[in-house]
């Protein structure tokens, strides 16, 4: 995987992203990390990089939009996507589940969805 930021050949460039409505939070919340968020152009890797090295399984996968790291979700044993954010500071991860079209900004604690 390359290490360039999204917008420099990392993502598909298709579609735009926005903060999802959240009835439990005040209006006007914004994510400063949205510009350039895009899906990977093709499925990245074989799975969670750390889980594969440890021989573990995972529930769902998340893709870092900054560097392309693939880690497992918070429902998985390793929580490697969150650990990647903690160690790198890379704020946005997208779900790699083909039936899910959302992301999460760890820095702003916001759920992100693709704009229609």
Protein backbone atom coordinates (compact mmCIF):
# COMPACT_ATOMS: atom_id res chain seq x y z
CA UNK A 1 0.00 0.00 0.00
CA UNK A 2 1.14 3.52 -0.72
CA UNK A 3 1.36 6.17 1.91
CA UNK A 4 0.14 9.25 0.02
CA UNK A 5 -2.92 11.08 1.29
CA UNK A 6 -6.35 10.56 -0.20
CA UNK A 7 -6.74 12.80 -3.20
CA UNK A 8 -3.30 11.85 -4.51
CA UNK A 9 -4.27 8.65 -6.27
CA UNK A 10 -5.39 6.85 -3.08
CA UNK A 11 -9.15 6.73 -3.52
CA UNK A 12 -11.62 6.34 -6.34
CA UNK A 13 -12.54 10.01 -6.27
CA UNK A 14 -16.17 9.08 -6.85
CA UNK A 15 -18.82 10.53 -4.58
CA UNK A 16 -18.64 13.04 -1.78
CA UNK A 17 -18.96 12.50 1.95
CA UNK A 18 -20.90 14.34 4.65
CA UNK A 19 -21.51 14.15 8.36
CA UNK A 20 -24.50 11.91 9.07
CA UNK A 21 -27.47 13.39 10.91
CA UNK A 22 -27.43 12.51 14.61
CA UNK A 23 -30.50 13.28 16.70
CA UNK A 24 -28.47 12.87 19.89
CA UNK A 25 -26.04 15.67 19.09
CA UNK A 26 -26.39 19.37 18.44
CA UNK A 27 -26.67 20.63 14.88
CA UNK A 28 -23.73 22.21 13.14
CA UNK A 29 -21.12 19.56 13.87
CA UNK A 30 -18.57 19.43 11.10
CA UNK A 31 -15.64 17.29 10.07
CA UNK A 32 -12.59 19.16 8.81
CA UNK A 33 -11.20 15.90 7.38
CA UNK A 34 -13.87 15.35 4.70
CA UNK A 35 -12.20 16.96 1.69
CA UNK A 36 -10.63 14.22 -0.38
CA UNK A 37 -12.25 11.24 1.38
CA UNK A 38 -12.81 8.53 -1.23
CA UNK A 39 -13.17 4.76 -1.41
CA UNK A 40 -10.14 2.65 -2.39
CA UNK A 41 -10.02 2.03 -6.14
CA UNK A 42 -9.92 -1.75 -5.56
CA UNK A 43 -10.22 -4.02 -2.52
CA UNK A 44 -7.08 -3.44 -0.45
CA UNK A 45 -5.11 -6.34 0.97
CA UNK A 46 -6.21 -9.69 2.33
CA UNK A 47 -7.68 -8.46 5.62
CA UNK A 48 -6.60 -6.87 8.89
CA UNK A 49 -2.83 -6.58 8.67
CA UNK A 50 -2.22 -7.18 12.39
CA UNK A 51 -4.78 -10.00 12.74
CA UNK A 52 -3.28 -11.81 9.76
CA UNK A 53 0.17 -11.63 11.40
CA UNK A 54 -1.27 -12.97 14.68
CA UNK A 55 -3.47 -15.66 13.10
CA UNK A 56 -6.64 -14.00 14.44
CA UNK A 57 -10.02 -13.51 12.77
CA UNK A 58 -12.05 -10.29 12.62
CA UNK A 59 -15.66 -9.13 12.29
CA UNK A 60 -15.42 -6.23 9.82
CA UNK A 61 -12.62 -4.28 8.18
CA UNK A 62 -11.87 -0.55 8.11
CA UNK A 63 -9.66 1.29 5.61
CA UNK A 64 -7.58 4.33 6.63
CA UNK A 65 -8.16 7.09 4.08
CA UNK A 66 -4.79 8.68 4.87
CA UNK A 67 -2.39 5.77 4.31
CA UNK A 68 -4.50 2.77 3.24
CA UNK A 69 -3.94 0.68 6.38
CA UNK A 70 -6.54 -2.07 6.74
CA UNK A 71 -7.54 -2.87 10.32
CA UNK A 72 -10.35 -4.66 12.10
CA UNK A 73 -13.35 -2.90 13.65
CA UNK A 74 -14.06 -2.22 17.33
CA UNK A 75 -16.25 -5.36 17.46
CA UNK A 76 -13.22 -7.47 16.59
CA UNK A 77 -10.76 -8.91 19.08
CA UNK A 78 -7.86 -6.66 18.08
CA UNK A 79 -9.64 -3.34 17.41
CA UNK A 80 -6.71 -2.64 15.07
CA UNK A 81 -8.37 0.17 13.07
CA UNK A 82 -8.83 2.16 16.28
CA UNK A 83 -5.30 1.28 17.42
CA UNK A 84 -4.02 2.57 14.06
CA UNK A 85 -5.77 5.90 14.66
CA UNK A 86 -4.33 6.09 18.19
CA UNK A 87 -0.77 5.48 16.98
CA UNK A 88 -0.87 7.44 13.72
CA UNK A 89 -3.42 10.19 14.26
CA UNK A 90 -4.97 9.39 10.85
CA UNK A 91 -8.55 10.56 11.44
CA UNK A 92 -10.90 8.86 8.93
CA UNK A 93 -11.58 5.18 8.29
CA UNK A 94 -14.16 3.74 5.91
CA UNK A 95 -15.98 0.45 6.26
CA UNK A 96 -14.82 -2.14 3.72
CA UNK A 97 -17.96 -4.24 4.06
CA UNK A 98 -19.54 -4.23 0.56
CA UNK A 99 -22.99 -3.65 2.11
CA UNK A 100 -21.86 -0.67 4.21
CA UNK A 101 -21.27 2.78 2.74
CA UNK A 102 -20.10 4.76 5.76
CA UNK A 103 -17.03 5.97 7.58
CA UNK A 104 -15.97 7.29 10.96
CA UNK A 105 -13.89 10.31 11.87
CA UNK A 106 -12.05 9.33 15.04
CA UNK A 107 -10.75 12.86 15.63
CA UNK A 108 -14.15 14.56 15.45
CA UNK A 109 -16.14 11.52 16.64
CA UNK A 110 -18.52 11.74 13.70
CA UNK A 111 -20.31 9.16 11.59
CA UNK A 112 -19.85 9.86 7.86
CA UNK A 113 -22.03 8.84 4.92
CA UNK A 114 -21.67 9.17 1.18
CA UNK A 115 -23.66 12.06 -0.24
CA UNK A 116 -26.48 11.08 -2.57
